[in-house]
PDB file of N, CA and C in Angstrom:
ATOM      1  N   MET A   1     -15.995  15.462 -39.628  1.00  0.00           N
ATOM      2  CA  MET A   1     -16.430  16.628 -40.333  1.00  0.00           C
ATOM      3  C   MET A   1     -15.687  17.852 -39.822  1.00  0.00           C
ATOM      4  N   ALA A   2     -15.221  18.632 -40.719  1.00  0.00           N
ATOM      5  CA  ALA A   2     -14.521  19.855 -40.350  1.00  0.00           C
ATOM      6  C   ALA A   2     -15.525  20.949 -40.045  1.00  0.00           C
ATOM      7  N   SER A   3     -15.164  21.774 -39.108  1.00  0.00           N
ATOM      8  CA  SER A   3     -16.084  22.842 -38.722  1.00  0.00           C
ATOM      9  C   SER A   3     -15.661  24.192 -39.292  1.00  0.00           C
ATOM     10  N   GLY A   4     -14.795  24.175 -40.265  1.00  0.00           N
ATOM     11  CA  GLY A   4     -14.411  25.416 -40.921  1.00  0.00           C
ATOM     12  C   GLY A   4     -13.467  26.253 -40.086  1.00  0.00           C
ATOM     13  N   ASP A   5     -13.816  27.531 -39.919  1.00  0.00           N
ATOM     14  CA  ASP A   5     -12.947  28.469 -39.200  1.00  0.00           C
ATOM     15  C   ASP A   5     -12.979  28.279 -37.691  1.00  0.00           C
ATOM     16  N   HIS A   6     -13.879  27.479 -37.180  1.00  0.00           N
ATOM     17  CA  HIS A   6     -14.012  27.310 -35.735  1.00  0.00           C
ATOM     18  C   HIS A   6     -12.862  26.497 -35.132  1.00  0.00           C
ATOM     19  N   ASP A   7     -12.101  25.757 -35.959  1.00  0.00           N
ATOM     20  CA  ASP A   7     -11.011  24.936 -35.444  1.00  0.00           C
ATOM     21  C   ASP A   7      -9.846  25.771 -34.923  1.00  0.00           C
ATOM     22  N   ASN A   8      -9.658  26.948 -35.420  1.00  0.00           N
ATOM     23  CA  ASN A   8      -8.507  27.762 -35.059  1.00  0.00           C
ATOM     24  C   ASN A   8      -8.793  28.747 -33.943  1.00  0.00           C
ATOM     25  N   GLN A   9      -9.962  28.705 -33.365  1.00  0.00           N
ATOM     26  CA  GLN A   9     -10.286  29.645 -32.300  1.00  0.00           C
ATOM     27  C   GLN A   9      -9.682  29.174 -30.985  1.00  0.00           C
ATOM     28  N   THR A  10      -9.289  30.111 -30.147  1.00  0.00           N
ATOM     29  CA  THR A  10      -8.767  29.778 -28.830  1.00  0.00           C
ATOM     30  C   THR A  10      -9.893  29.847 -27.813  1.00  0.00           C
ATOM     31  N   LEU A  11      -9.802  29.012 -26.826  1.00  0.00           N
ATOM     32  CA  LEU A  11     -10.806  28.981 -25.767  1.00  0.00           C
ATOM     33  C   LEU A  11     -10.262  29.674 -24.530  1.00  0.00           C
ATOM     34  N   ASP A  12     -11.112  30.371 -23.849  1.00  0.00           N
ATOM     35  CA  ASP A  12     -10.714  30.990 -22.592  1.00  0.00           C
ATOM     36  C   ASP A  12     -10.571  29.900 -21.538  1.00  0.00           C
ATOM     37  N   TYR A  13      -9.514  30.011 -20.748  1.00  0.00           N
ATOM     38  CA  TYR A  13      -9.263  29.029 -19.705  1.00  0.00           C
ATOM     39  C   TYR A  13      -9.939  29.477 -18.419  1.00  0.00           C
ATOM     40  N   GLU A  14     -10.736  28.601 -17.863  1.00  0.00           N
ATOM     41  CA  GLU A  14     -11.410  28.885 -16.594  1.00  0.00           C
ATOM     42  C   GLU A  14     -10.755  28.033 -15.513  1.00  0.00           C
ATOM     43  N   ASP A  15     -10.324  28.664 -14.474  1.00  0.00           N
ATOM     44  CA  ASP A  15      -9.699  27.965 -13.365  1.00  0.00           C
ATOM     45  C   ASP A  15     -10.776  27.560 -12.370  1.00  0.00           C
ATOM     46  N   CYS A  16     -10.929  26.265 -12.172  1.00  0.00           N
ATOM     47  CA  CYS A  16     -11.975  25.762 -11.287  1.00  0.00           C
ATOM     48  C   CYS A  16     -11.331  24.943 -10.176  1.00  0.00           C
ATOM     49  N   THR A  17     -10.708  25.609  -9.234  1.00  0.00           N
ATOM     50  CA  THR A  17     -10.066  24.897  -8.135  1.00  0.00           C
ATOM     51  C   THR A  17     -10.821  25.053  -6.825  1.00  0.00           C
ATOM     52  N   SER A  18     -11.971  25.642  -6.852  1.00  0.00           N
ATOM     53  CA  SER A  18     -12.689  25.827  -5.587  1.00  0.00           C
ATOM     54  C   SER A  18     -13.213  24.502  -5.045  1.00  0.00           C
ATOM     55  N   SER A  19     -13.422  23.516  -5.908  1.00  0.00           N
ATOM     56  CA  SER A  19     -13.926  22.232  -5.437  1.00  0.00           C
ATOM     57  C   SER A  19     -12.807  21.223  -5.230  1.00  0.00           C
ATOM     58  N   ARG A  20     -11.571  21.588  -5.538  1.00  0.00           N
ATOM     59  CA  ARG A  20     -10.442  20.690  -5.386  1.00  0.00           C
ATOM     60  C   ARG A  20      -9.401  21.321  -4.473  1.00  0.00           C
ATOM     61  N   HIS A  21      -8.389  20.538  -4.151  1.00  0.00           N
ATOM     62  CA  HIS A  21      -7.270  21.093  -3.401  1.00  0.00           C
ATOM     63  C   HIS A  21      -6.417  21.944  -4.325  1.00  0.00           C
ATOM     64  N   VAL A  22      -5.810  22.952  -3.770  1.00  0.00           N
ATOM     65  CA  VAL A  22      -4.945  23.811  -4.573  1.00  0.00           C
ATOM     66  C   VAL A  22      -3.665  23.066  -4.931  1.00  0.00           C
ATOM     67  N   LYS A  23      -3.133  22.281  -3.999  1.00  0.00           N
ATOM     68  CA  LYS A  23      -1.922  21.497  -4.245  1.00  0.00           C
ATOM     69  C   LYS A  23      -2.293  20.064  -4.608  1.00  0.00           C
ATOM     70  N   GLN A  24      -1.451  19.433  -5.411  1.00  0.00           N
ATOM     71  CA  GLN A  24      -1.630  18.028  -5.746  1.00  0.00           C
ATOM     72  C   GLN A  24      -1.256  17.172  -4.532  1.00  0.00           C
ATOM     73  N   TRP A  25      -1.609  15.884  -4.570  1.00  0.00           N
ATOM     74  CA  TRP A  25      -1.366  15.010  -3.423  1.00  0.00           C
ATOM     75  C   TRP A  25       0.118  14.874  -3.135  1.00  0.00           C
ATOM     76  N   TYR A  26       0.947  14.875  -4.152  1.00  0.00           N
ATOM     77  CA  TYR A  26       2.382  14.716  -3.947  1.00  0.00           C
ATOM     78  C   TYR A  26       3.054  16.007  -3.481  1.00  0.00           C
ATOM     79  N   GLU A  27       2.316  17.094  -3.411  1.00  0.00           N
ATOM     80  CA  GLU A  27       2.845  18.345  -2.890  1.00  0.00           C
ATOM     81  C   GLU A  27       2.429  18.578  -1.441  1.00  0.00           C
ATOM     82  N   GLN A  28       1.635  17.678  -0.876  1.00  0.00           N
ATOM     83  CA  GLN A  28       1.159  17.812   0.501  1.00  0.00           C
ATOM     84  C   GLN A  28       1.909  16.842   1.403  1.00  0.00           C
ATOM     85  N   THR A  29       2.007  17.185   2.665  1.00  0.00           N
ATOM     86  CA  THR A  29       2.790  16.391   3.608  1.00  0.00           C
ATOM     87  C   THR A  29       2.075  15.111   4.030  1.00  0.00           C
ATOM     88  N   ILE A  30       0.827  15.195   4.425  1.00  0.00           N
ATOM     89  CA  ILE A  30       0.098  14.034   4.968  1.00  0.00           C
ATOM     90  C   ILE A  30      -0.043  12.910   3.935  1.00  0.00           C
ATOM     91  N   PRO A  31      -0.476  13.174   2.710  1.00  0.00           N
ATOM     92  CA  PRO A  31      -0.552  12.072   1.743  1.00  0.00           C
ATOM     93  C   PRO A  31       0.807  11.440   1.444  1.00  0.00           C
ATOM     94  N   LEU A  32       1.868  12.248   1.447  1.00  0.00           N
ATOM     95  CA  LEU A  32       3.197  11.680   1.229  1.00  0.00           C
ATOM     96  C   LEU A  32       3.627  10.790   2.386  1.00  0.00           C
ATOM     97  N   LEU A  33       3.276  11.178   3.614  1.00  0.00           N
ATOM     98  CA  LEU A  33       3.594  10.333   4.762  1.00  0.00           C
ATOM     99  C   LEU A  33       2.837   9.012   4.708  1.00  0.00           C
ATOM    100  N   HIS A  34       1.568   9.062   4.322  1.00  0.00           N
ATOM    101  CA  HIS A  34       0.788   7.828   4.178  1.00  0.00           C
ATOM    102  C   HIS A  34       1.376   6.932   3.090  1.00  0.00           C
ATOM    103  N   PHE A  35       1.700   7.519   1.957  1.00  0.00           N
ATOM    104  CA  PHE A  35       2.276   6.760   0.855  1.00  0.00           C
ATOM    105  C   PHE A  35       3.615   6.154   1.255  1.00  0.00           C
ATOM    106  N   GLY A  36       4.437   6.942   1.933  1.00  0.00           N
ATOM    107  CA  GLY A  36       5.735   6.446   2.383  1.00  0.00           C
ATOM    108  C   GLY A  36       5.617   5.315   3.385  1.00  0.00           C
ATOM    109  N   SER A  37       4.659   5.428   4.312  1.00  0.00           N
ATOM    110  CA  SER A  37       4.483   4.354   5.292  1.00  0.00           C
ATOM    111  C   SER A  37       3.954   3.084   4.624  1.00  0.00           C
ATOM    112  N   ASP A  38       3.123   3.234   3.603  1.00  0.00           N
ATOM    113  CA  ASP A  38       2.658   2.054   2.858  1.00  0.00           C
ATOM    114  C   ASP A  38       3.810   1.355   2.149  1.00  0.00           C
ATOM    115  N   ILE A  39       4.694   2.130   1.556  1.00  0.00           N
ATOM    116  CA  ILE A  39       5.848   1.554   0.869  1.00  0.00           C
ATOM    117  C   ILE A  39       6.769   0.844   1.862  1.00  0.00           C
ATOM    118  N   VAL A  40       6.995   1.463   3.009  1.00  0.00           N
ATOM    119  CA  VAL A  40       7.838   0.845   4.040  1.00  0.00           C
ATOM    120  C   VAL A  40       7.226  -0.475   4.513  1.00  0.00           C
ATOM    121  N   LEU A  41       5.912  -0.516   4.693  1.00  0.00           N
ATOM    122  CA  LEU A  41       5.247  -1.739   5.121  1.00  0.00           C
ATOM    123  C   LEU A  41       5.349  -2.837   4.070  1.00  0.00           C
ATOM    124  N   VAL A  42       5.186  -2.491   2.812  1.00  0.00           N
ATOM    125  CA  VAL A  42       5.305  -3.481   1.734  1.00  0.00           C
ATOM    126  C   VAL A  42       6.724  -4.038   1.677  1.00  0.00           C
ATOM    127  N   VAL A  43       7.720  -3.179   1.820  1.00  0.00           N
ATOM    128  CA  VAL A  43       9.110  -3.633   1.812  1.00  0.00           C
ATOM    129  C   VAL A  43       9.389  -4.513   3.025  1.00  0.00           C
ATOM    130  N   LEU A  44       8.874  -4.146   4.183  1.00  0.00           N
ATOM    131  CA  LEU A  44       9.062  -4.947   5.392  1.00  0.00           C
ATOM    132  C   LEU A  44       8.445  -6.329   5.244  1.00  0.00           C
ATOM    133  N   VAL A  45       7.230  -6.407   4.727  1.00  0.00           N
ATOM    134  CA  VAL A  45       6.574  -7.700   4.528  1.00  0.00           C
ATOM    135  C   VAL A  45       7.340  -8.528   3.503  1.00  0.00           C
ATOM    136  N   GLY A  46       7.813  -7.889   2.448  1.00  0.00           N
ATOM    137  CA  GLY A  46       8.595  -8.611   1.436  1.00  0.00           C
ATOM    138  C   GLY A  46       9.887  -9.168   2.004  1.00  0.00           C
ATOM    139  N   CYS A  47      10.619  -8.353   2.756  1.00  0.00           N
ATOM    140  CA  CYS A  47      11.873  -8.816   3.368  1.00  0.00           C
ATOM    141  C   CYS A  47      11.623  -9.920   4.392  1.00  0.00           C
ATOM    142  N   ALA A  48      10.570  -9.777   5.175  1.00  0.00           N
ATOM    143  CA  ALA A  48      10.254 -10.797   6.179  1.00  0.00           C
ATOM    144  C   ALA A  48       9.865 -12.114   5.521  1.00  0.00           C
ATOM    145  N   THR A  49       9.140 -12.052   4.419  1.00  0.00           N
ATOM    146  CA  THR A  49       8.740 -13.274   3.724  1.00  0.00           C
ATOM    147  C   THR A  49       9.948 -13.959   3.104  1.00  0.00           C
ATOM    148  N   VAL A  50      10.855 -13.202   2.512  1.00  0.00           N
ATOM    149  CA  VAL A  50      12.079 -13.787   1.952  1.00  0.00           C
ATOM    150  C   VAL A  50      12.918 -14.400   3.068  1.00  0.00           C
ATOM    151  N   PHE A  51      13.044 -13.711   4.191  1.00  0.00           N
ATOM    152  CA  PHE A  51      13.774 -14.240   5.346  1.00  0.00           C
ATOM    153  C   PHE A  51      13.145 -15.541   5.836  1.00  0.00           C
ATOM    154  N   HIS A  52      11.813 -15.588   5.876  1.00  0.00           N
ATOM    155  CA  HIS A  52      11.104 -16.780   6.327  1.00  0.00           C
ATOM    156  C   HIS A  52      11.319 -17.939   5.362  1.00  0.00           C
ATOM    157  N   LEU A  53      11.301 -17.663   4.065  1.00  0.00           N
ATOM    158  CA  LEU A  53      11.503 -18.724   3.075  1.00  0.00           C
ATOM    159  C   LEU A  53      12.926 -19.268   3.117  1.00  0.00           C
ATOM    160  N   LYS A  54      13.904 -18.420   3.426  1.00  0.00           N
ATOM    161  CA  LYS A  54      15.307 -18.867   3.461  1.00  0.00           C
ATOM    162  C   LYS A  54      15.674 -19.534   4.784  1.00  0.00           C
ATOM    163  N   ARG A  55      15.211 -18.992   5.908  1.00  0.00           N
ATOM    164  CA  ARG A  55      15.636 -19.480   7.218  1.00  0.00           C
ATOM    165  C   ARG A  55      14.643 -20.442   7.860  1.00  0.00           C
ATOM    166  N   GLY A  56      13.375 -20.321   7.537  1.00  0.00           N
ATOM    167  CA  GLY A  56      12.364 -21.182   8.153  1.00  0.00           C
ATOM    168  C   GLY A  56      11.864 -20.609   9.470  1.00  0.00           C
ATOM    169  N   ASP A  57      11.133 -21.447  10.211  1.00  0.00           N
ATOM    170  CA  ASP A  57      10.522 -21.019  11.468  1.00  0.00           C
ATOM    171  C   ASP A  57      11.469 -21.086  12.660  1.00  0.00           C
ATOM    172  N   ALA A  58      12.528 -21.834  12.558  1.00  0.00           N
ATOM    173  CA  ALA A  58      13.402 -22.081  13.708  1.00  0.00           C
ATOM    174  C   ALA A  58      14.417 -20.950  13.882  1.00  0.00           C
ATOM    175  N   VAL A  59      13.978 -19.843  14.442  1.00  0.00           N
ATOM    176  CA  VAL A  59      14.879 -18.739  14.773  1.00  0.00           C
ATOM    177  C   VAL A  59      14.806 -18.515  16.278  1.00  0.00           C
ATOM    178  N   LYS A  60      15.929 -18.082  16.841  1.00  0.00           N
ATOM    179  CA  LYS A  60      15.980 -17.954  18.297  1.00  0.00           C
ATOM    180  C   LYS A  60      16.022 -16.515  18.770  1.00  0.00           C
ATOM    181  N   SER A  61      16.550 -15.625  17.975  1.00  0.00           N
ATOM    182  CA  SER A  61      16.691 -14.249  18.452  1.00  0.00           C
ATOM    183  C   SER A  61      15.348 -13.523  18.399  1.00  0.00           C
ATOM    184  N   LEU A  62      15.196 -12.562  19.267  1.00  0.00           N
ATOM    185  CA  LEU A  62      13.962 -11.794  19.352  1.00  0.00           C
ATOM    186  C   LEU A  62      13.743 -10.958  18.090  1.00  0.00           C
ATOM    187  N   GLY A  63      14.826 -10.413  17.542  1.00  0.00           N
ATOM    188  CA  GLY A  63      14.718  -9.625  16.324  1.00  0.00           C
ATOM    189  C   GLY A  63      14.233 -10.448  15.142  1.00  0.00           C
ATOM    190  N   ALA A  64      14.744 -11.668  15.026  1.00  0.00           N
ATOM    191  CA  ALA A  64      14.317 -12.548  13.934  1.00  0.00           C
ATOM    192  C   ALA A  64      12.866 -12.976  14.124  1.00  0.00           C
ATOM    193  N   GLN A  65      12.460 -13.233  15.358  1.00  0.00           N
ATOM    194  CA  GLN A  65      11.056 -13.583  15.618  1.00  0.00           C
ATOM    195  C   GLN A  65      10.135 -12.410  15.310  1.00  0.00           C
ATOM    196  N   LEU A  66      10.576 -11.207  15.627  1.00  0.00           N
ATOM    197  CA  LEU A  66       9.794 -10.014  15.317  1.00  0.00           C
ATOM    198  C   LEU A  66       9.681  -9.828  13.802  1.00  0.00           C
ATOM    199  N   LEU A  67      10.766 -10.076  13.082  1.00  0.00           N
ATOM    200  CA  LEU A  67      10.721  -9.987  11.626  1.00  0.00           C
ATOM    201  C   LEU A  67       9.798 -11.046  11.041  1.00  0.00           C
ATOM    202  N   LEU A  68       9.822 -12.244  11.600  1.00  0.00           N
ATOM    203  CA  LEU A  68       8.937 -13.309  11.117  1.00  0.00           C
ATOM    204  C   LEU A  68       7.463 -13.010  11.363  1.00  0.00           C
ATOM    205  N   SER A  69       7.179 -12.163  12.318  1.00  0.00           N
ATOM    206  CA  SER A  69       5.780 -11.827  12.572  1.00  0.00           C
ATOM    207  C   SER A  69       5.167 -11.028  11.422  1.00  0.00           C
ATOM    208  N   PHE A  70       5.999 -10.444  10.562  1.00  0.00           N
ATOM    209  CA  PHE A  70       5.513  -9.719   9.397  1.00  0.00           C
ATOM    210  C   PHE A  70       5.533 -10.561   8.128  1.00  0.00           C
ATOM    211  N   SER A  71       5.923 -11.821   8.223  1.00  0.00           N
ATOM    212  CA  SER A  71       6.024 -12.677   7.045  1.00  0.00           C
ATOM    213  C   SER A  71       4.639 -12.993   6.492  1.00  0.00           C
ATOM    214  N   MET A  72       4.489 -12.821   5.190  1.00  0.00           N
ATOM    215  CA  MET A  72       3.202 -13.104   4.563  1.00  0.00           C
ATOM    216  C   MET A  72       2.901 -14.602   4.598  1.00  0.00           C
ATOM    217  N   LYS A  73       3.935 -15.424   4.428  1.00  0.00           N
ATOM    218  CA  LYS A  73       3.740 -16.873   4.466  1.00  0.00           C
ATOM    219  C   LYS A  73       3.209 -17.311   5.829  1.00  0.00           C
ATOM    220  N   LYS A  74       3.791 -16.782   6.877  1.00  0.00           N
ATOM    221  CA  LYS A  74       3.367 -17.151   8.226  1.00  0.00           C
ATOM    222  C   LYS A  74       1.951 -16.637   8.519  1.00  0.00           C
ATOM    223  N   ASN A  75       1.649 -15.416   8.119  1.00  0.00           N
ATOM    224  CA  ASN A  75       0.330 -14.854   8.391  1.00  0.00           C
ATOM    225  C   ASN A  75      -0.767 -15.537   7.590  1.00  0.00           C
ATOM    226  N   ILE A  76      -0.475 -15.941   6.366  1.00  0.00           N
ATOM    227  CA  ILE A  76      -1.479 -16.676   5.589  1.00  0.00           C
ATOM    228  C   ILE A  76      -1.733 -18.041   6.218  1.00  0.00           C
ATOM    229  N   GLN A  77      -0.687 -18.687   6.698  1.00  0.00           N
ATOM    230  CA  GLN A  77      -0.863 -19.986   7.366  1.00  0.00           C
ATOM    231  C   GLN A  77      -1.702 -19.836   8.631  1.00  0.00           C
ATOM    232  N   VAL A  78      -1.450 -18.801   9.410  1.00  0.00           N
ATOM    233  CA  VAL A  78      -2.203 -18.593  10.650  1.00  0.00           C
ATOM    234  C   VAL A  78      -3.658 -18.268  10.348  1.00  0.00           C
ATOM    235  N   ARG A  79      -3.901 -17.421   9.356  1.00  0.00           N
ATOM    236  CA  ARG A  79      -5.275 -17.014   9.028  1.00  0.00           C
ATOM    237  C   ARG A  79      -6.080 -18.127   8.377  1.00  0.00           C
ATOM    238  N   SER A  80      -5.418 -19.024   7.652  1.00  0.00           N
ATOM    239  CA  SER A  80      -6.165 -20.088   6.979  1.00  0.00           C
ATOM    240  C   SER A  80      -6.326 -21.338   7.834  1.00  0.00           C
ATOM    241  N   HIS A  81      -5.654 -21.399   8.956  1.00  0.00           N
ATOM    242  CA  HIS A  81      -5.770 -22.555   9.848  1.00  0.00           C
ATOM    243  C   HIS A  81      -7.126 -22.522  10.542  1.00  0.00           C
ATOM    244  N   SER A  82      -7.838 -23.624  10.476  1.00  0.00           N
ATOM    245  CA  SER A  82      -9.151 -23.664  11.129  1.00  0.00           C
ATOM    246  C   SER A  82      -8.999 -24.061  12.599  1.00  0.00           C
ATOM    247  N   ALA A  83      -9.761 -23.425  13.426  1.00  0.00           N
ATOM    248  CA  ALA A  83      -9.714 -23.679  14.863  1.00  0.00           C
ATOM    249  C   ALA A  83     -10.537 -24.926  15.194  1.00  0.00           C
ATOM    250  N   PRO A  84     -10.251 -25.579  16.306  1.00  0.00           N
ATOM    251  CA  PRO A  84     -11.021 -26.756  16.685  1.00  0.00           C
ATOM    252  C   PRO A  84     -12.464 -26.433  17.074  1.00  0.00           C
ATOM    253  N   TRP A  85     -12.726 -25.224  17.451  1.00  0.00           N
ATOM    254  CA  TRP A  85     -14.093 -24.826  17.782  1.00  0.00           C
ATOM    255  C   TRP A  85     -14.584 -23.846  16.730  1.00  0.00           C
ATOM    256  N   ASP A  86     -15.879 -23.757  16.559  1.00  0.00           N
ATOM    257  CA  ASP A  86     -16.457 -23.000  15.452  1.00  0.00           C
ATOM    258  C   ASP A  86     -16.400 -21.491  15.635  1.00  0.00           C
ATOM    259  N   ASN A  87     -16.513 -21.000  16.831  1.00  0.00           N
ATOM    260  CA  ASN A  87     -16.625 -19.547  17.040  1.00  0.00           C
ATOM    261  C   ASN A  87     -15.273 -18.894  17.341  1.00  0.00           C
ATOM    262  N   ALA A  88     -14.163 -19.487  16.927  1.00  0.00           N
ATOM    263  CA  ALA A  88     -12.854 -18.937  17.230  1.00  0.00           C
ATOM    264  C   ALA A  88     -12.565 -17.689  16.402  1.00  0.00           C
ATOM    265  N   HIS A  89     -12.995 -17.673  15.152  1.00  0.00           N
ATOM    266  CA  HIS A  89     -12.755 -16.512  14.278  1.00  0.00           C
ATOM    267  C   HIS A  89     -14.032 -15.706  14.187  1.00  0.00           C
ATOM    268  N   LEU A  90     -13.903 -14.426  14.378  1.00  0.00           N
ATOM    269  CA  LEU A  90     -15.075 -13.567  14.297  1.00  0.00           C
ATOM    270  C   LEU A  90     -15.308 -13.120  12.884  1.00  0.00           C
TER     271      LEU A  90
END
């Protein structure tokens, strides 16, 4: 239903930023650092998992072992392995 002449009226804009931040999240330093660290962690886990799938568990260098510690395949295997005693996982 048309409301006649009321469709062409302009509304006054009210600025209501007292309950919000003045800057958006992408304009602030701390949220960008958190977002960036999350992206770096996702990329690290992805690279470590690809490395683990291509090379396997048999690596000798400390750097490769450190990279494998971030592998999703390895961590899922460790977390899903049941312990011989019942109270091993909290």
